[in-house]
Amino acid sequence: MAPAEITKDEIDAVYPTVAATVADALGCDPEDVKLDVSLIEGLDAESIDFLDLVFRLERAFKVKIPRGKIVEDARGDLPEAEFEQKGIAT
């Protein structure tokens, strides 16, 4: 079954909490966290940051996020060998 599309209203409802959580985890300003800014390239997130983000988002929203899903989404079309080199997200 294909995942349901997320509506703009749904994004708007959770975005402030997500942006504050990401900013806190990465030590940046919430204004720097935008929907079109890459966590890795734009906000300098490293692989360990994704684990922290998962825990923080789970706590903030009282949900379980499958491990690897955030990294998979962050990697996008980039091959794994290019995404991570010597344990560091490139």
Protein backbone atom coordinates (compact mmCIF):
# COMPACT_ATOMS: atom_id res chain seq x y z
CA MET A 1 0.00 0.00 0.00
CA ALA A 2 1.39 3.41 -0.97
CA PRO A 3 1.87 5.96 1.81
CA ALA A 4 -0.77 8.67 2.04
CA GLU A 5 0.14 12.14 0.86
CA ILE A 6 0.77 14.66 3.62
CA THR A 7 -1.31 17.81 3.36
CA LYS A 8 -0.05 21.36 3.85
CA ASP A 9 -2.30 21.69 6.90
CA GLU A 10 -0.70 18.59 8.43
CA ILE A 11 2.79 19.99 7.77
CA ASP A 12 1.81 23.37 9.22
CA ALA A 13 0.45 21.66 12.35
CA VAL A 14 3.72 19.87 13.21
CA TYR A 15 6.33 22.13 11.60
CA PRO A 16 6.95 24.49 14.56
CA THR A 17 7.67 21.54 16.87
CA VAL A 18 9.84 19.79 14.28
CA ALA A 19 11.80 22.98 13.51
CA ALA A 20 12.38 23.70 17.22
CA THR A 21 13.44 20.08 17.82
CA VAL A 22 15.84 20.06 14.87
CA ALA A 23 17.31 23.44 15.86
CA ASP A 24 17.82 22.30 19.44
CA ALA A 25 19.44 19.02 18.37
CA LEU A 26 21.75 20.68 15.84
CA GLY A 27 22.47 23.83 17.83
CA CYS A 28 21.19 26.20 15.16
CA ASP A 29 18.51 28.88 15.04
CA PRO A 30 14.95 27.66 14.39
CA GLU A 31 14.77 30.22 11.55
CA ASP A 32 17.54 28.26 9.76
CA VAL A 33 15.37 25.13 9.68
CA LYS A 34 13.28 25.25 6.53
CA LEU A 35 11.44 22.64 4.50
CA ASP A 36 13.82 23.06 1.57
CA VAL A 37 17.08 23.05 3.58
CA SER A 38 19.01 19.79 3.72
CA LEU A 39 19.82 18.63 7.24
CA ILE A 40 23.24 17.47 6.06
CA GLU A 41 24.28 20.05 3.50
CA GLY A 42 22.38 23.04 4.86
CA LEU A 43 22.51 22.46 8.62
CA ASP A 44 25.68 20.36 8.92
CA ALA A 45 23.96 17.36 10.53
CA GLU A 46 26.14 14.30 10.98
CA SER A 47 25.09 10.68 11.16
CA ILE A 48 24.97 10.70 14.99
CA ASP A 49 22.60 13.69 14.85
CA PHE A 50 19.98 11.58 13.10
CA LEU A 51 19.78 9.19 16.03
CA ASP A 52 19.37 12.14 18.41
CA LEU A 53 16.68 13.59 16.15
CA VAL A 54 14.76 10.32 16.11
CA PHE A 55 14.71 10.17 19.92
CA ARG A 56 13.72 13.82 20.26
CA LEU A 57 10.95 13.60 17.66
CA GLU A 58 9.61 10.39 19.18
CA ARG A 59 9.46 12.10 22.56
CA ALA A 60 7.92 15.31 21.18
CA PHE A 61 5.17 13.53 19.23
CA LYS A 62 4.85 10.36 21.33
CA VAL A 63 5.38 8.13 18.26
CA LYS A 64 7.84 5.43 17.18
CA ILE A 65 9.96 6.16 14.11
CA PRO A 66 11.46 3.11 12.40
CA ARG A 67 15.25 3.21 12.72
CA GLY A 68 16.94 4.03 9.47
CA LYS A 69 13.93 5.85 8.00
CA ILE A 70 15.27 9.34 8.68
CA VAL A 71 18.70 8.49 7.29
CA GLU A 72 17.08 6.80 4.28
CA ASP A 73 14.98 9.90 3.60
CA ALA A 74 17.94 12.23 4.13
CA ARG A 75 20.10 10.20 1.76
CA GLY A 76 17.51 10.47 -1.01
CA ASP A 77 18.94 9.34 -4.35
CA LEU A 78 22.55 9.48 -3.16
CA PRO A 79 24.14 6.00 -3.13
CA GLU A 80 25.01 4.77 0.37
CA ALA A 81 28.73 4.66 -0.50
CA GLU A 82 28.64 8.38 -1.29
CA PHE A 83 26.35 9.27 1.62
CA GLU A 84 28.53 7.74 4.32
CA GLN A 85 32.29 7.46 4.20
CA LYS A 86 34.23 6.05 7.15
CA GLY A 87 31.18 6.35 9.37
CA ILE A 88 30.56 10.02 8.57
CA ALA A 89 27.67 11.38 6.53
CA THR A 90 29.21 13.31 3.66
